[in-house]
Amino acid sequence: MMRASLVLADFAETDTGTGKVHMIGAGWSMTGPAPSPHAIVAFLHVPTDRVEGGPIPVMIRLVDRSGQVVEAQGPAGMQPLEITGQVEMQVPEGWDHSTELQATFSANLMGLSLQPGQSYTWSIEADGKELASTQFQVRPVSARPPTSTDG
């Protein structure tokens, strides 16, 4: 069975040579309210019987509390925050089929402007099945100025 996990970070970069992901500011669940750096990191665990089965369609999407796909301003106007593609596994030299392989990828969404006081969910689908999700909340706009102890 295919599995996945998602991590939120301020910035992430996938090393295509090693499959490692380098993350800065990883593991948060609260952001904003001002537009801030935003990265989504996905780890797709591919079982041995699916490794050589051809391309795996993948979609990562951001939805609001009501389940609607969030839209953001893009070069062509408002666009849904959906990242689609496919993963094609390469069998490493010496792989004996005893362990699942992992595909890793990340996306950076700089200055993502979301509604203060609202919660959102990133989810990942592979082969048409939702495998994982992670929620976060955008802080409400505060009437008081931040103090040095605010994060």
N, C-alpha and C. Protein backbone atom coordinates (compact mmCIF):
# COMPACT_ATOMS: atom_id res chain seq x y z
N MET A 1 0.84 -1.18 0.00
CA MET A 1 0.00 0.00 0.00
C MET A 1 0.88 1.25 0.00
N MET A 2 0.56 2.19 -0.86
CA MET A 2 1.30 3.43 -0.92
C MET A 2 0.95 4.29 0.28
N ARG A 3 1.96 4.98 0.83
CA ARG A 3 1.77 5.89 1.97
C ARG A 3 2.42 7.22 1.63
N ALA A 4 2.06 8.26 2.37
CA ALA A 4 2.67 9.57 2.18
C ALA A 4 2.64 10.35 3.48
N SER A 5 3.48 11.37 3.54
CA SER A 5 3.44 12.32 4.65
C SER A 5 3.76 13.70 4.10
N LEU A 6 3.24 14.71 4.78
CA LEU A 6 3.43 16.10 4.38
C LEU A 6 4.00 16.89 5.55
N VAL A 7 4.90 17.83 5.24
CA VAL A 7 5.50 18.69 6.25
C VAL A 7 5.43 20.12 5.74
N LEU A 8 5.04 21.05 6.61
CA LEU A 8 5.05 22.47 6.28
C LEU A 8 6.35 23.09 6.75
N ALA A 9 6.89 23.98 5.95
CA ALA A 9 8.14 24.65 6.27
C ALA A 9 8.11 26.08 5.72
N ASP A 10 9.10 26.87 6.10
CA ASP A 10 9.23 28.20 5.53
C ASP A 10 9.87 28.13 4.13
N PHE A 11 10.80 27.20 3.95
CA PHE A 11 11.47 27.01 2.66
C PHE A 11 11.95 25.57 2.60
N ALA A 12 11.92 25.00 1.39
CA ALA A 12 12.40 23.64 1.21
C ALA A 12 13.00 23.49 -0.19
N GLU A 13 13.97 22.62 -0.28
CA GLU A 13 14.62 22.35 -1.56
C GLU A 13 14.92 20.87 -1.65
N THR A 14 14.49 20.26 -2.73
CA THR A 14 14.74 18.84 -2.94
C THR A 14 16.01 18.66 -3.74
N ASP A 15 16.90 17.83 -3.24
CA ASP A 15 18.14 17.47 -3.94
C ASP A 15 17.80 16.30 -4.86
N THR A 16 17.71 16.55 -6.15
CA THR A 16 17.30 15.50 -7.08
C THR A 16 18.32 14.37 -7.17
N GLY A 17 19.56 14.63 -6.83
CA GLY A 17 20.58 13.59 -6.87
C GLY A 17 20.45 12.56 -5.77
N THR A 18 20.06 13.04 -4.58
CA THR A 18 19.99 12.13 -3.43
C THR A 18 18.57 11.85 -2.97
N GLY A 19 17.61 12.69 -3.36
CA GLY A 19 16.24 12.55 -2.89
C GLY A 19 16.03 13.17 -1.52
N LYS A 20 17.07 13.75 -0.94
CA LYS A 20 16.93 14.41 0.36
C LYS A 20 16.24 15.76 0.17
N VAL A 21 15.51 16.19 1.21
CA VAL A 21 14.88 17.51 1.20
C VAL A 21 15.53 18.33 2.31
N HIS A 22 16.00 19.52 1.94
CA HIS A 22 16.58 20.45 2.91
C HIS A 22 15.50 21.46 3.26
N MET A 23 15.16 21.54 4.57
CA MET A 23 14.06 22.40 5.01
C MET A 23 14.57 23.44 6.00
N ILE A 24 13.95 24.62 5.92
CA ILE A 24 14.19 25.69 6.89
C ILE A 24 12.85 26.03 7.52
N GLY A 25 12.81 26.13 8.82
CA GLY A 25 11.58 26.48 9.52
C GLY A 25 10.50 25.42 9.37
N ALA A 26 10.87 24.16 9.50
CA ALA A 26 9.93 23.05 9.27
C ALA A 26 9.12 22.73 10.51
N GLY A 27 7.90 22.23 10.26
CA GLY A 27 7.07 21.69 11.33
C GLY A 27 6.08 22.64 11.95
N TRP A 28 5.75 23.73 11.29
CA TRP A 28 4.80 24.67 11.89
C TRP A 28 3.35 24.30 11.58
N SER A 29 2.43 24.84 12.40
CA SER A 29 1.00 24.66 12.16
C SER A 29 0.23 25.97 12.31
N MET A 30 0.95 27.06 12.60
CA MET A 30 0.36 28.41 12.68
C MET A 30 1.23 29.33 11.83
N THR A 31 0.59 30.24 11.10
CA THR A 31 1.33 31.18 10.27
C THR A 31 0.59 32.51 10.22
N GLY A 32 1.24 33.51 9.63
CA GLY A 32 0.60 34.80 9.37
C GLY A 32 0.31 35.60 10.62
N PRO A 33 -0.59 36.57 10.48
CA PRO A 33 -1.57 36.74 9.42
C PRO A 33 -1.03 37.37 8.14
N ALA A 34 0.13 38.04 8.21
CA ALA A 34 0.69 38.64 7.00
C ALA A 34 1.19 37.54 6.06
N PRO A 35 1.19 37.79 4.76
CA PRO A 35 1.76 36.81 3.83
C PRO A 35 3.18 36.45 4.26
N SER A 36 3.48 35.18 4.26
CA SER A 36 4.77 34.73 4.75
C SER A 36 5.28 33.57 3.89
N PRO A 37 6.56 33.23 4.03
CA PRO A 37 7.09 32.10 3.27
C PRO A 37 6.31 30.83 3.62
N HIS A 38 6.15 29.98 2.62
CA HIS A 38 5.31 28.80 2.80
C HIS A 38 5.81 27.72 1.85
N ALA A 39 6.19 26.59 2.40
CA ALA A 39 6.62 25.47 1.57
C ALA A 39 5.87 24.22 2.02
N ILE A 40 5.57 23.37 1.05
CA ILE A 40 4.97 22.07 1.35
C ILE A 40 5.94 21.00 0.86
N VAL A 41 6.22 20.05 1.74
CA VAL A 41 7.16 18.96 1.43
C VAL A 41 6.39 17.65 1.49
N ALA A 42 6.57 16.82 0.47
CA ALA A 42 5.87 15.54 0.40
C ALA A 42 6.87 14.40 0.35
N PHE A 43 6.56 13.36 1.10
CA PHE A 43 7.31 12.12 1.09
C PHE A 43 6.34 11.03 0.65
N LEU A 44 6.59 10.43 -0.49
CA LEU A 44 5.73 9.39 -1.04
C LEU A 44 6.46 8.06 -0.91
N HIS A 45 5.90 7.15 -0.12
CA HIS A 45 6.50 5.84 0.11
C HIS A 45 5.87 4.86 -0.87
N VAL A 46 6.66 4.36 -1.79
CA VAL A 46 6.16 3.53 -2.88
C VAL A 46 6.50 2.06 -2.59
N PRO A 47 5.47 1.21 -2.49
CA PRO A 47 5.73 -0.20 -2.20
C PRO A 47 6.47 -0.87 -3.36
N THR A 48 7.14 -1.96 -3.04
CA THR A 48 7.98 -2.64 -4.03
C THR A 48 7.21 -3.06 -5.27
N ASP A 49 5.95 -3.46 -5.12
CA ASP A 49 5.19 -3.92 -6.28
C ASP A 49 4.72 -2.79 -7.19
N ARG A 50 4.88 -1.53 -6.75
CA ARG A 50 4.44 -0.38 -7.58
C ARG A 50 5.62 0.38 -8.18
N VAL A 51 6.84 0.04 -7.76
CA VAL A 51 8.02 0.78 -8.21
C VAL A 51 8.19 0.72 -9.72
N GLU A 52 8.01 -0.43 -10.31
CA GLU A 52 8.23 -0.57 -11.75
C GLU A 52 6.91 -0.62 -12.52
N GLY A 53 5.84 -0.09 -11.93
CA GLY A 53 4.51 -0.14 -12.54
C GLY A 53 4.16 1.07 -13.38
N GLY A 54 5.12 1.87 -13.79
CA GLY A 54 4.84 3.04 -14.61
C GLY A 54 4.63 4.29 -13.77
N PRO A 55 4.34 5.40 -14.44
CA PRO A 55 4.18 6.69 -13.73
C PRO A 55 3.04 6.65 -12.70
N ILE A 56 3.26 7.37 -11.61
CA ILE A 56 2.27 7.48 -10.54
C ILE A 56 1.74 8.91 -10.57
N PRO A 57 0.44 9.11 -10.91
CA PRO A 57 -0.10 10.47 -10.88
C PRO A 57 -0.21 10.97 -9.44
N VAL A 58 0.23 12.22 -9.23
CA VAL A 58 0.24 12.82 -7.89
C VAL A 58 -0.40 14.20 -7.95
N MET A 59 -1.19 14.53 -6.92
CA MET A 59 -1.76 15.87 -6.80
C MET A 59 -1.69 16.30 -5.34
N ILE A 60 -1.21 17.52 -5.15
CA ILE A 60 -1.20 18.15 -3.84
C ILE A 60 -2.11 19.37 -3.96
N ARG A 61 -3.03 19.54 -3.00
CA ARG A 61 -3.94 20.69 -3.10
C ARG A 61 -4.16 21.29 -1.72
N LEU A 62 -4.50 22.58 -1.74
CA LEU A 62 -4.83 23.32 -0.52
C LEU A 62 -6.32 23.59 -0.53
N VAL A 63 -7.00 23.20 0.55
CA VAL A 63 -8.44 23.46 0.68
C VAL A 63 -8.71 24.25 1.95
N ASP A 64 -9.82 24.99 1.92
CA ASP A 64 -10.23 25.74 3.09
C ASP A 64 -11.08 24.86 4.01
N ARG A 65 -11.58 25.44 5.07
CA ARG A 65 -12.36 24.69 6.07
C ARG A 65 -13.59 24.02 5.48
N SER A 66 -14.17 24.63 4.43
CA SER A 66 -15.38 24.07 3.81
C SER A 66 -15.06 23.02 2.74
N GLY A 67 -13.76 22.76 2.52
CA GLY A 67 -13.37 21.76 1.54
C GLY A 67 -13.19 22.29 0.13
N GLN A 68 -13.30 23.60 -0.05
CA GLN A 68 -13.12 24.21 -1.36
C GLN A 68 -11.63 24.43 -1.64
N VAL A 69 -11.22 24.17 -2.87
CA VAL A 69 -9.82 24.41 -3.25
C VAL A 69 -9.55 25.91 -3.20
N VAL A 70 -8.47 26.29 -2.53
CA VAL A 70 -8.09 27.69 -2.38
C VAL A 70 -7.53 28.18 -3.71
N GLU A 71 -7.85 29.42 -4.06
CA GLU A 71 -7.31 30.03 -5.26
C GLU A 71 -6.37 31.15 -4.85
N ALA A 72 -5.34 31.36 -5.68
CA ALA A 72 -4.37 32.42 -5.43
C ALA A 72 -4.06 33.11 -6.76
N GLN A 73 -3.63 34.34 -6.67
CA GLN A 73 -3.28 35.10 -7.86
C GLN A 73 -2.04 34.49 -8.52
N GLY A 74 -2.15 34.22 -9.79
CA GLY A 74 -1.03 33.69 -10.56
C GLY A 74 -0.85 34.49 -11.82
N PRO A 75 0.08 34.09 -12.68
CA PRO A 75 0.34 34.83 -13.92
C PRO A 75 -0.89 34.93 -14.84
N ALA A 76 -1.76 33.96 -14.77
CA ALA A 76 -2.96 33.94 -15.63
C ALA A 76 -4.21 34.32 -14.85
N GLY A 77 -4.06 35.06 -13.75
CA GLY A 77 -5.21 35.42 -12.92
C GLY A 77 -5.33 34.48 -11.74
N MET A 78 -6.54 34.34 -11.22
CA MET A 78 -6.77 33.47 -10.08
C MET A 78 -6.64 32.01 -10.52
N GLN A 79 -5.89 31.24 -9.75
CA GLN A 79 -5.64 29.84 -10.08
C GLN A 79 -5.79 28.98 -8.84
N PRO A 80 -6.32 27.75 -9.00
CA PRO A 80 -6.44 26.86 -7.83
C PRO A 80 -5.05 26.45 -7.35
N LEU A 81 -4.90 26.33 -6.02
CA LEU A 81 -3.63 25.88 -5.44
C LEU A 81 -3.60 24.36 -5.48
N GLU A 82 -3.34 23.86 -6.66
CA GLU A 82 -3.20 22.43 -6.93
C GLU A 82 -1.90 22.23 -7.68
N ILE A 83 -1.13 21.29 -7.22
CA ILE A 83 0.14 20.95 -7.86
C ILE A 83 -0.03 19.53 -8.38
N THR A 84 0.02 19.37 -9.68
CA THR A 84 -0.16 18.05 -10.26
C THR A 84 1.08 17.64 -11.03
N GLY A 85 1.27 16.36 -11.11
CA GLY A 85 2.40 15.81 -11.85
C GLY A 85 2.39 14.31 -11.74
N GLN A 86 3.52 13.74 -12.05
CA GLN A 86 3.64 12.29 -11.90
C GLN A 86 5.04 11.95 -11.42
N VAL A 87 5.09 10.84 -10.73
CA VAL A 87 6.35 10.34 -10.20
C VAL A 87 6.67 9.05 -10.95
N GLU A 88 7.87 8.99 -11.45
CA GLU A 88 8.32 7.76 -12.10
C GLU A 88 9.55 7.29 -11.35
N MET A 89 9.44 6.16 -10.72
CA MET A 89 10.51 5.65 -9.87
C MET A 89 11.64 5.08 -10.73
N GLN A 90 12.86 5.34 -10.30
CA GLN A 90 14.03 4.74 -10.92
C GLN A 90 14.60 3.73 -9.94
N VAL A 91 14.79 2.53 -10.43
CA VAL A 91 15.29 1.46 -9.57
C VAL A 91 16.79 1.69 -9.32
N PRO A 92 17.16 1.87 -8.06
CA PRO A 92 18.57 2.09 -7.75
C PRO A 92 19.39 0.82 -7.99
N GLU A 93 20.62 1.02 -8.37
CA GLU A 93 21.52 -0.11 -8.58
C GLU A 93 21.65 -0.90 -7.28
N GLY A 94 21.51 -2.21 -7.39
CA GLY A 94 21.67 -3.08 -6.23
C GLY A 94 20.41 -3.23 -5.39
N TRP A 95 19.30 -2.60 -5.79
CA TRP A 95 18.06 -2.71 -5.01
C TRP A 95 17.55 -4.14 -5.08
N ASP A 96 17.29 -4.75 -3.92
CA ASP A 96 16.90 -6.17 -3.88
C ASP A 96 15.39 -6.37 -3.70
N HIS A 97 14.59 -5.33 -3.87
CA HIS A 97 13.13 -5.38 -3.77
C HIS A 97 12.62 -5.69 -2.36
N SER A 98 13.47 -5.60 -1.35
CA SER A 98 13.03 -5.91 0.01
C SER A 98 12.52 -4.69 0.77
N THR A 99 12.77 -3.48 0.25
CA THR A 99 12.32 -2.27 0.93
C THR A 99 11.58 -1.37 -0.06
N GLU A 100 10.60 -0.64 0.47
CA GLU A 100 9.91 0.32 -0.38
C GLU A 100 10.87 1.46 -0.71
N LEU A 101 10.59 2.14 -1.81
CA LEU A 101 11.39 3.30 -2.18
C LEU A 101 10.59 4.57 -1.86
N GLN A 102 11.28 5.69 -1.83
CA GLN A 102 10.63 6.93 -1.45
C GLN A 102 10.87 7.99 -2.52
N ALA A 103 9.81 8.68 -2.90
CA ALA A 103 9.91 9.85 -3.78
C ALA A 103 9.68 11.08 -2.90
N THR A 104 10.52 12.08 -3.05
CA THR A 104 10.39 13.29 -2.25
C THR A 104 10.30 14.49 -3.18
N PHE A 105 9.49 15.45 -2.81
CA PHE A 105 9.41 16.67 -3.59
C PHE A 105 8.90 17.79 -2.70
N SER A 106 9.16 19.02 -3.15
CA SER A 106 8.76 20.19 -2.37
C SER A 106 8.33 21.31 -3.32
N ALA A 107 7.52 22.21 -2.78
CA ALA A 107 7.08 23.39 -3.52
C ALA A 107 7.11 24.58 -2.59
N ASN A 108 7.66 25.68 -3.07
CA ASN A 108 7.72 26.92 -2.31
C ASN A 108 6.69 27.89 -2.86
N LEU A 109 5.90 28.47 -1.97
CA LEU A 109 4.85 29.42 -2.35
C LEU A 109 5.12 30.71 -1.59
N MET A 110 5.99 31.53 -2.10
CA MET A 110 6.41 32.74 -1.39
C MET A 110 5.29 33.77 -1.34
N GLY A 111 5.10 34.35 -0.18
CA GLY A 111 4.12 35.42 -0.01
C GLY A 111 2.68 34.97 -0.19
N LEU A 112 2.38 33.74 0.18
CA LEU A 112 1.02 33.24 0.05
C LEU A 112 0.10 34.01 0.99
N SER A 113 -0.91 34.67 0.42
CA SER A 113 -1.83 35.48 1.19
C SER A 113 -3.10 34.68 1.46
N LEU A 114 -3.33 34.37 2.73
CA LEU A 114 -4.51 33.59 3.13
C LEU A 114 -5.34 34.38 4.13
N GLN A 115 -6.58 33.98 4.30
CA GLN A 115 -7.53 34.68 5.16
C GLN A 115 -7.14 34.55 6.64
N PRO A 116 -6.87 35.67 7.34
CA PRO A 116 -6.55 35.60 8.77
C PRO A 116 -7.69 34.94 9.55
N GLY A 117 -7.32 34.17 10.58
CA GLY A 117 -8.28 33.52 11.45
C GLY A 117 -8.89 32.25 10.89
N GLN A 118 -8.43 31.79 9.74
CA GLN A 118 -8.99 30.61 9.10
C GLN A 118 -8.01 29.43 9.17
N SER A 119 -8.55 28.22 9.02
CA SER A 119 -7.70 27.03 8.97
C SER A 119 -7.77 26.44 7.57
N TYR A 120 -6.72 25.75 7.20
CA TYR A 120 -6.56 25.19 5.87
C TYR A 120 -5.96 23.79 5.97
N THR A 121 -6.11 23.03 4.89
CA THR A 121 -5.56 21.67 4.85
C THR A 121 -4.87 21.44 3.51
N TRP A 122 -3.62 21.00 3.58
CA TRP A 122 -2.91 20.48 2.42
C TRP A 122 -3.15 18.98 2.38
N SER A 123 -3.42 18.43 1.20
CA SER A 123 -3.56 16.99 1.08
C SER A 123 -2.80 16.50 -0.15
N ILE A 124 -2.45 15.23 -0.13
CA ILE A 124 -1.76 14.61 -1.25
C ILE A 124 -2.52 13.37 -1.69
N GLU A 125 -2.69 13.26 -3.00
CA GLU A 125 -3.30 12.09 -3.62
C GLU A 125 -2.27 11.44 -4.54
N ALA A 126 -2.28 10.13 -4.60
CA ALA A 126 -1.46 9.38 -5.56
C ALA A 126 -2.32 8.25 -6.09
N ASP A 127 -2.24 8.03 -7.38
CA ASP A 127 -3.10 7.02 -8.02
C ASP A 127 -4.57 7.26 -7.71
N GLY A 128 -4.97 8.55 -7.53
CA GLY A 128 -6.37 8.88 -7.29
C GLY A 128 -6.87 8.66 -5.87
N LYS A 129 -5.97 8.33 -4.93
CA LYS A 129 -6.37 8.09 -3.54
C LYS A 129 -5.67 9.09 -2.63
N GLU A 130 -6.45 9.69 -1.71
CA GLU A 130 -5.84 10.60 -0.73
C GLU A 130 -5.03 9.76 0.25
N LEU A 131 -3.76 10.15 0.41
CA LEU A 131 -2.85 9.38 1.26
C LEU A 131 -2.51 10.08 2.57
N ALA A 132 -2.52 11.41 2.56
CA ALA A 132 -2.13 12.14 3.77
C ALA A 132 -2.63 13.57 3.67
N SER A 133 -2.72 14.22 4.83
CA SER A 133 -3.07 15.63 4.87
C SER A 133 -2.45 16.25 6.12
N THR A 134 -2.33 17.57 6.09
CA THR A 134 -1.84 18.30 7.26
C THR A 134 -2.56 19.63 7.31
N GLN A 135 -2.97 20.02 8.51
CA GLN A 135 -3.72 21.25 8.70
C GLN A 135 -2.86 22.33 9.31
N PHE A 136 -3.25 23.58 9.04
CA PHE A 136 -2.61 24.72 9.68
C PHE A 136 -3.63 25.84 9.79
N GLN A 137 -3.31 26.81 10.62
CA GLN A 137 -4.19 27.95 10.84
C GLN A 137 -3.44 29.23 10.60
N VAL A 138 -4.15 30.22 10.03
CA VAL A 138 -3.61 31.56 9.87
C VAL A 138 -4.06 32.36 11.08
N ARG A 139 -3.10 32.96 11.76
CA ARG A 139 -3.43 33.73 12.96
C ARG A 139 -4.41 34.86 12.61
N PRO A 140 -5.30 35.20 13.53
CA PRO A 140 -6.18 36.35 13.29
C PRO A 140 -5.39 37.65 13.38
N VAL A 141 -5.92 38.69 12.78
CA VAL A 141 -5.30 40.01 12.90
C VAL A 141 -5.52 40.46 14.33
N SER A 142 -4.45 40.83 15.01
CA SER A 142 -4.53 41.22 16.41
C SER A 142 -4.72 42.73 16.53
N ALA A 143 -5.52 43.14 17.51
CA ALA A 143 -5.71 44.56 17.78
C ALA A 143 -4.54 45.14 18.55
N ARG A 144 -3.80 44.27 19.22
CA ARG A 144 -2.66 44.76 20.01
C ARG A 144 -1.37 44.56 19.22
N PRO A 145 -0.40 45.44 19.41
CA PRO A 145 0.88 45.25 18.72
C PRO A 145 1.60 44.03 19.26
N PRO A 146 2.36 43.33 18.41
CA PRO A 146 3.08 42.14 18.89
C PRO A 146 4.16 42.54 19.90
N THR A 147 4.44 41.64 20.81
CA THR A 147 5.52 41.84 21.77
C THR A 147 6.70 40.97 21.39
N SER A 148 7.78 41.12 22.09
CA SER A 148 8.99 40.36 21.76
C SER A 148 8.82 38.86 22.05
N THR A 149 7.77 38.48 22.79
CA THR A 149 7.56 37.05 23.09
C THR A 149 6.64 36.40 22.08
N ASP A 150 6.03 37.18 21.15
CA ASP A 150 5.17 36.58 20.12
C ASP A 150 6.04 35.92 19.06
N GLY A 151 5.56 34.78 18.51
CA GLY A 151 6.32 34.05 17.50
C GLY A 151 5.89 34.32 16.11
